Amino acid sequence: MTKTIAVLGATGAQGGSVAEKFLSLGWHVRGITRNDTSDAARTLASKGIEVVPADIDDPATLIPAFSGAEVIFAVTDFWAPFFTSFRELSQVSDRATGEHALSIELKRGKTIVDAATEVLTKEGKLKRFIWSTLPSVKELSKGKYTYTYHYESKAQVSKYLQERKDLWERSSLLYMGFYTTNIKVYKNILGFVKQVLCTDCPSKENEPNKYVYRNIGSKFVLHPFVVPTDTGIFVDLLVRASPKKLLMGVSEMTSVETLSNTWSEVTGRQSEVKELAVGELLMEWPDKPVSGSLVREVAKGVAASAEFGWGDVVLPNEIDPKVKTTSLKEYFQGEDWTEY
């Protein structure tokens, strides 16, 4: 009998990858999305994915969406409520936006866990619940870093999940590393920035092909970089493994120095890494609401990764030594950098 996986966020980066992977493995894939009439939803349906509408703010809609599934992949979006409220709440206080987004994601995560628990209790069919999450930086750093709301919100949901003993016995956690796609999507904050050596000089004298990657801490420290399209690979590993695993979703564990050199090799543009402390990075943004909220949120996470790592995690090749993930070079080669 064909097995069913229910995938939240099926039109997003992580959920879309999971849906594609399990479709290729012959599973019945149920893609759960808020808007089942969107172009992205129609594309999923055209591939043979069952598209089911559900709203993570409406618990009653999740029960039928999860019903009958052997596996549930769950993910929530911290950044949507963050950016929606950013301009207003960043004027209120330095932490208001992060606190607001945390409260929303925590509520949604608990709603998902409760719905999965109810389906498990009623049907007993669910074999694996996989929660895409992050560690508590506050705990890893022993309180040194607390301005990491997009970590803390997911970590609090993980704790809530672990308190649901029956569901936790069939669950695993997936820590997703630093998105390689952020280098392009959020290039002014997380990418390679063109270096301007003389603001009064003609543009042709500003070394247009010289770029700088601003990094928190040592450029030689290893970080877990992840290509989001590899998410399906990680979820497949967790489905095949025993439950209660904590898997590091990493495509390539490497340093920012290697990342910079690889990007230069692929694009033909000179780049160098500028090592900064968190405070120094914030000073490079004259817009204080931005530097005091978004940039600080990101910078603290990178600093914690460099100093404290990600905790006691399992790596993909520890579950399957033959697993193949996307290298940084392969990711860079697959992107168009002409307008960068």
Protein backbone atom coordinates (compact mmCIF):
# COMPACT_ATOMS: atom_id res chain seq x y z
CA MET A 1 0.00 0.00 0.00
CA THR A 2 1.27 3.46 -0.90
CA LYS A 3 2.32 5.52 2.11
CA THR A 4 1.20 9.11 2.62
CA ILE A 5 3.27 12.06 3.77
CA ALA A 6 1.54 15.32 4.72
CA VAL A 7 3.75 18.32 4.01
CA LEU A 8 3.13 21.73 5.53
CA GLY A 9 4.40 24.71 3.57
CA ALA A 10 4.38 22.65 0.39
CA THR A 11 4.72 25.73 -1.82
CA GLY A 12 7.74 26.99 0.15
CA ALA A 13 11.43 26.17 -0.05
CA GLN A 14 11.59 23.42 2.57
CA GLY A 15 8.14 21.93 2.06
CA GLY A 16 8.49 22.04 -1.71
CA SER A 17 11.73 20.07 -1.53
CA VAL A 18 10.14 17.47 0.75
CA ALA A 19 7.15 17.11 -1.56
CA GLU A 20 9.36 16.63 -4.63
CA LYS A 21 11.62 14.11 -2.89
CA PHE A 22 8.86 11.86 -1.60
CA LEU A 23 6.98 12.06 -4.88
CA SER A 24 10.12 10.70 -6.55
CA LEU A 25 10.19 7.88 -3.96
CA GLY A 26 6.69 6.77 -4.90
CA TRP A 27 4.85 8.14 -1.88
CA HIS A 28 1.42 9.74 -1.98
CA VAL A 29 2.25 13.36 -1.21
CA ARG A 30 -0.33 15.62 0.39
CA GLY A 31 0.79 19.21 0.00
CA ILE A 32 -0.78 21.47 2.62
CA THR A 33 -1.05 25.15 1.81
CA ARG A 34 -3.12 28.11 2.90
CA ASN A 35 -4.08 28.96 -0.68
CA ASP A 36 -4.81 25.91 -2.82
CA THR A 37 -5.68 28.05 -5.87
CA SER A 38 -2.32 29.81 -6.15
CA ASP A 39 -0.07 29.25 -9.14
CA ALA A 40 2.40 27.40 -6.91
CA ALA A 41 -0.36 25.09 -5.66
CA ARG A 42 -1.51 24.40 -9.20
CA THR A 43 2.04 23.50 -10.16
CA LEU A 44 2.16 20.96 -7.33
CA ALA A 45 -1.16 19.48 -8.40
CA SER A 46 0.05 19.15 -12.00
CA LYS A 47 2.86 16.90 -10.74
CA GLY A 48 0.46 14.53 -9.03
CA ILE A 49 0.61 16.01 -5.54
CA GLU A 50 -2.66 16.13 -3.62
CA VAL A 51 -3.10 19.79 -2.66
CA VAL A 52 -5.11 20.32 0.52
CA PRO A 53 -6.04 23.73 1.96
CA ALA A 54 -5.39 24.28 5.66
CA ASP A 55 -4.62 27.24 7.87
CA ILE A 56 -2.15 26.90 10.75
CA ASP A 57 -4.10 29.66 12.50
CA ASP A 58 -7.23 27.47 12.34
CA PRO A 59 -6.64 24.16 14.18
CA ALA A 60 -9.82 22.57 12.82
CA THR A 61 -8.44 22.66 9.27
CA LEU A 62 -5.28 20.75 10.19
CA ILE A 63 -7.01 17.60 11.46
CA PRO A 64 -8.36 16.48 8.05
CA ALA A 65 -5.13 17.60 6.39
CA PHE A 66 -3.09 15.30 8.66
CA SER A 67 -5.58 12.43 8.77
CA GLY A 68 -4.32 9.13 7.37
CA ALA A 69 -0.70 10.23 6.97
CA GLU A 70 2.16 7.99 8.05
CA VAL A 71 4.53 10.96 8.08
CA ILE A 72 4.00 14.65 8.77
CA PHE A 73 6.60 17.28 7.91
CA ALA A 74 6.00 20.52 9.77
CA VAL A 75 7.58 23.92 9.24
CA THR A 76 6.55 27.46 10.14
CA ASP A 77 7.72 30.86 8.93
CA PHE A 78 9.13 33.23 11.55
CA TRP A 79 10.07 35.88 9.01
CA ALA A 80 6.63 36.54 7.52
CA PRO A 81 5.19 38.09 10.72
CA PHE A 82 8.59 39.66 11.40
CA PHE A 83 8.70 41.60 8.14
CA THR A 84 4.98 42.39 8.15
CA SER A 85 5.24 44.21 11.47
CA PHE A 86 8.82 45.40 11.16
CA ARG A 87 8.36 49.06 10.23
CA GLU A 88 5.78 49.66 12.93
CA LEU A 89 7.22 47.65 15.80
CA SER A 90 10.86 48.60 15.23
CA GLN A 91 9.84 52.09 16.32
CA VAL A 92 8.41 50.74 19.58
CA SER A 93 11.51 49.04 20.94
CA ASP A 94 14.65 47.24 19.86
CA ARG A 95 13.12 43.82 20.57
CA ALA A 96 9.44 44.37 19.79
CA THR A 97 9.50 42.89 16.28
CA GLY A 98 11.31 39.73 17.33
CA GLU A 99 9.05 39.24 20.34
CA HIS A 100 5.97 39.67 18.15
CA ALA A 101 7.16 37.15 15.54
CA LEU A 102 8.16 34.70 18.29
CA SER A 103 4.71 34.80 19.86
CA ILE A 104 3.03 34.09 16.52
CA GLU A 105 5.36 31.26 15.53
CA LEU A 106 5.12 29.67 18.97
CA LYS A 107 1.33 29.70 18.82
CA ARG A 108 1.32 28.22 15.33
CA GLY A 109 3.86 25.56 16.22
CA LYS A 110 1.84 24.46 19.24
CA THR A 111 -1.29 24.33 17.08
CA ILE A 112 0.47 21.99 14.64
CA VAL A 113 1.75 19.74 17.43
CA ASP A 114 -1.70 19.58 19.02
CA ALA A 115 -3.31 18.65 15.70
CA ALA A 116 -0.74 15.92 15.05
CA THR A 117 -1.27 14.60 18.59
CA GLU A 118 -5.03 14.46 18.08
CA VAL A 119 -4.67 12.58 14.79
CA LEU A 120 -2.23 10.12 16.38
CA THR A 121 -4.58 9.53 19.32
CA LYS A 122 -7.60 8.96 17.08
CA GLU A 123 -5.96 6.87 14.35
CA GLY A 124 -2.67 5.50 15.66
CA LYS A 125 -1.34 5.44 12.10
CA LEU A 126 1.27 8.20 12.28
CA LYS A 127 4.81 6.79 12.22
CA ARG A 128 6.91 9.94 12.11
CA PHE A 129 6.40 13.62 12.91
CA ILE A 130 9.30 15.76 11.71
CA TRP A 131 9.61 19.31 12.99
CA SER A 132 11.89 21.76 11.16
CA THR A 133 13.44 23.73 13.97
CA LEU A 134 16.50 25.45 15.42
CA PRO A 135 18.37 25.18 18.73
CA SER A 136 17.96 27.60 21.61
CA VAL A 137 20.91 29.93 21.23
CA LYS A 138 20.15 31.31 24.67
CA GLU A 139 20.71 27.86 26.17
CA LEU A 140 23.72 26.94 24.02
CA SER A 141 25.46 30.21 24.89
CA LYS A 142 24.43 30.01 28.57
CA GLY A 143 22.68 33.34 28.28
CA LYS A 144 25.35 35.24 26.36
CA TYR A 145 23.14 35.62 23.28
CA THR A 146 19.44 36.30 23.78
CA TYR A 147 18.67 38.38 20.70
CA THR A 148 17.90 35.34 18.53
CA TYR A 149 14.13 35.15 18.40
CA HIS A 150 13.93 33.05 15.24
CA TYR A 151 15.91 30.37 17.09
CA GLU A 152 14.05 30.62 20.38
CA SER A 153 10.57 30.43 18.85
CA LYS A 154 11.27 27.13 17.11
CA ALA A 155 13.18 25.76 20.10
CA GLN A 156 10.21 26.46 22.38
CA VAL A 157 7.96 24.49 20.01
CA SER A 158 10.48 21.63 20.15
CA LYS A 159 10.18 21.57 23.94
CA TYR A 160 6.40 21.60 23.67
CA LEU A 161 6.62 18.64 21.27
CA GLN A 162 8.86 16.70 23.65
CA GLU A 163 6.27 17.14 26.41
CA ARG A 164 3.70 15.30 24.23
CA LYS A 165 5.18 11.90 25.04
CA ASP A 166 3.16 9.76 22.64
CA LEU A 167 3.90 12.03 19.69
CA TRP A 168 7.53 12.59 20.69
CA GLU A 169 8.13 8.83 20.64
CA ARG A 170 7.43 9.02 16.88
CA SER A 171 9.15 12.33 16.17
CA SER A 172 12.49 13.72 15.06
CA LEU A 173 13.93 17.22 14.83
CA LEU A 174 15.61 18.82 11.83
CA TYR A 175 17.94 21.77 12.44
CA MET A 176 18.28 23.71 9.20
CA GLY A 177 21.65 25.47 8.83
CA PHE A 178 22.46 28.79 7.18
CA TYR A 179 20.62 29.09 3.86
CA THR A 180 22.98 29.49 0.91
CA THR A 181 20.14 31.29 -0.87
CA ASN A 182 20.35 34.15 1.64
CA ILE A 183 23.61 35.19 0.00
CA LYS A 184 21.63 36.20 -3.06
CA VAL A 185 18.18 37.04 -1.69
CA TYR A 186 19.44 39.23 1.17
CA LYS A 187 22.71 40.25 -0.43
CA ASN A 188 23.00 43.63 1.34
CA ILE A 189 23.00 41.89 4.72
CA LEU A 190 24.07 38.30 4.15
CA GLY A 191 25.82 38.41 0.80
CA PHE A 192 28.82 39.77 -1.04
CA VAL A 193 28.75 43.57 -1.11
CA LYS A 194 30.53 45.53 -3.81
CA GLN A 195 33.45 47.42 -2.32
CA VAL A 196 33.52 51.16 -3.02
CA LEU A 197 36.99 52.52 -2.30
CA CYS A 198 36.36 56.13 -3.26
CA THR A 199 32.89 57.69 -3.22
CA ASP A 200 34.06 60.70 -5.24
CA CYS A 201 35.88 58.73 -7.93
CA PRO A 202 34.37 57.76 -11.29
CA SER A 203 32.63 54.39 -11.01
CA LYS A 204 35.17 52.72 -13.27
CA GLU A 205 37.85 53.42 -10.65
CA ASN A 206 35.92 51.77 -7.82
CA GLU A 207 37.06 48.24 -8.61
CA PRO A 208 33.57 47.10 -9.71
CA ASN A 209 34.50 43.43 -9.47
CA LYS A 210 35.78 43.57 -5.87
CA TYR A 211 33.34 42.27 -3.25
CA VAL A 212 33.41 41.94 0.51
CA TYR A 213 31.63 39.37 2.68
CA ARG A 214 31.08 40.74 6.18
CA ASN A 215 31.40 37.93 8.69
CA ILE A 216 30.91 37.74 12.43
CA GLY A 217 33.98 36.24 14.08
CA SER A 218 36.75 34.20 12.51
CA LYS A 219 36.46 33.47 8.81
CA PHE A 220 38.01 30.05 9.37
CA VAL A 221 35.33 28.67 11.71
CA LEU A 222 33.15 25.96 10.16
CA HIS A 223 29.42 26.68 9.78
CA PRO A 224 26.59 24.44 8.51
CA PHE A 225 25.51 25.88 5.17
CA VAL A 226 22.41 24.35 3.63
CA VAL A 227 20.86 24.46 0.17
CA PRO A 228 17.09 24.50 0.90
CA THR A 229 16.36 22.10 -1.95
CA ASP A 230 18.23 19.45 0.06
CA THR A 231 15.50 19.46 2.73
CA GLY A 232 13.79 16.45 1.18
CA ILE A 233 17.02 14.46 1.48
CA PHE A 234 17.18 15.18 5.22
CA VAL A 235 13.54 14.27 5.81
CA ASP A 236 14.00 11.00 3.93
CA LEU A 237 16.93 10.19 6.22
CA LEU A 238 14.81 10.87 9.31
CA VAL A 239 11.95 8.73 8.01
CA ARG A 240 14.34 5.84 7.46
CA ALA A 241 16.09 6.27 10.82
CA SER A 242 14.81 5.50 14.30
CA PRO A 243 12.81 8.31 15.97
CA LYS A 244 14.00 11.04 18.35
CA LYS A 245 16.92 11.96 16.11
CA LEU A 246 18.28 15.51 16.03
CA LEU A 247 19.61 15.90 12.49
CA MET A 248 21.72 18.81 11.33
CA GLY A 249 20.38 19.89 7.96
CA VAL A 250 23.70 20.72 6.35
CA SER A 251 24.66 20.52 2.69
CA GLU A 252 28.28 21.46 3.31
CA MET A 253 30.07 22.21 6.57
CA THR A 254 32.62 24.83 5.65
CA SER A 255 34.19 28.14 6.56
CA VAL A 256 33.24 31.56 5.27
CA GLU A 257 36.75 31.85 3.84
CA THR A 258 36.13 28.75 1.70
CA LEU A 259 32.68 30.03 0.80
CA SER A 260 34.19 33.30 -0.42
CA ASN A 261 36.90 31.56 -2.44
CA THR A 262 34.37 29.20 -4.02
CA TRP A 263 32.07 32.08 -4.96
CA SER A 264 35.01 33.89 -6.58
CA GLU A 265 35.99 30.76 -8.49
CA VAL A 266 32.48 30.34 -9.89
CA THR A 267 31.65 33.99 -10.62
CA GLY A 268 35.07 35.26 -11.63
CA ARG A 269 34.76 38.17 -9.18
CA GLN A 270 37.28 39.03 -6.52
CA SER A 271 36.01 38.69 -2.97
CA GLU A 272 37.44 38.88 0.51
CA VAL A 273 36.08 38.28 3.99
CA LYS A 274 35.93 41.12 6.49
CA GLU A 275 35.91 39.85 10.07
CA LEU A 276 33.69 41.91 12.37
CA ALA A 277 32.33 41.84 15.88
CA VAL A 278 28.56 42.16 16.23
CA GLY A 279 28.82 45.80 17.30
CA GLU A 280 31.05 46.65 14.35
CA LEU A 281 28.59 45.10 11.92
CA LEU A 282 25.72 47.10 13.39
CA MET A 283 27.66 50.33 12.93
CA GLU A 284 27.74 49.74 9.16
CA TRP A 285 23.96 50.29 9.01
CA PRO A 286 22.97 53.96 9.46
CA ASP A 287 19.30 52.94 9.70
CA LYS A 288 19.26 52.08 13.41
CA PRO A 289 15.83 50.39 13.45
CA VAL A 290 17.18 48.01 10.82
CA SER A 291 20.53 47.41 12.51
CA GLY A 292 18.86 47.17 15.89
CA SER A 293 16.45 44.48 14.81
CA LEU A 294 17.02 42.49 11.63
CA VAL A 295 20.81 42.71 11.38
CA ARG A 296 21.28 42.11 15.10
CA GLU A 297 19.01 39.05 14.92
CA VAL A 298 21.10 37.55 12.14
CA ALA A 299 24.47 38.59 13.56
CA LYS A 300 23.86 37.06 16.97
CA GLY A 301 22.96 33.73 15.37
CA VAL A 302 26.18 33.65 13.36
CA ALA A 303 28.22 34.64 16.42
CA ALA A 304 26.65 31.83 18.44
CA SER A 305 27.33 29.31 15.68
CA ALA A 306 30.99 30.31 15.65
CA GLU A 307 31.41 30.20 19.43
CA PHE A 308 29.09 27.44 20.60
CA GLY A 309 28.12 25.35 17.58
CA TRP A 310 24.72 23.68 17.26
CA GLY A 311 24.66 21.20 20.11
CA ASP A 312 24.65 17.41 20.04
CA VAL A 313 23.46 16.78 16.50
CA VAL A 314 23.64 13.92 14.03
CA LEU A 315 25.09 14.66 10.58
CA PRO A 316 23.48 13.31 7.39
CA ASN A 317 26.36 10.95 6.59
CA GLU A 318 26.08 9.42 10.05
CA ILE A 319 22.65 8.09 9.09
CA ASP A 320 23.60 7.19 5.54
CA PRO A 321 27.31 7.29 4.59
CA LYS A 322 26.33 7.35 0.91
CA VAL A 323 24.04 10.39 1.13
CA LYS A 324 24.71 13.07 -1.51
CA THR A 325 23.96 16.70 -0.76
CA THR A 326 24.52 19.82 -2.84
CA SER A 327 27.96 21.40 -2.51
CA LEU A 328 28.49 25.16 -2.31
CA LYS A 329 30.15 25.07 -5.70
CA GLU A 330 27.18 23.27 -7.24
CA TYR A 331 24.78 25.77 -5.68
CA PHE A 332 26.77 28.77 -6.91
CA GLN A 333 27.02 27.26 -10.40
CA GLY A 334 23.24 26.87 -10.51
CA GLU A 335 22.52 30.54 -9.80
CA ASP A 336 22.61 33.51 -12.17
CA TRP A 337 25.01 36.12 -10.77
CA THR A 338 25.03 38.49 -13.75
CA GLU A 339 22.82 41.08 -12.03
CA TYR A 340 24.41 40.66 -8.61
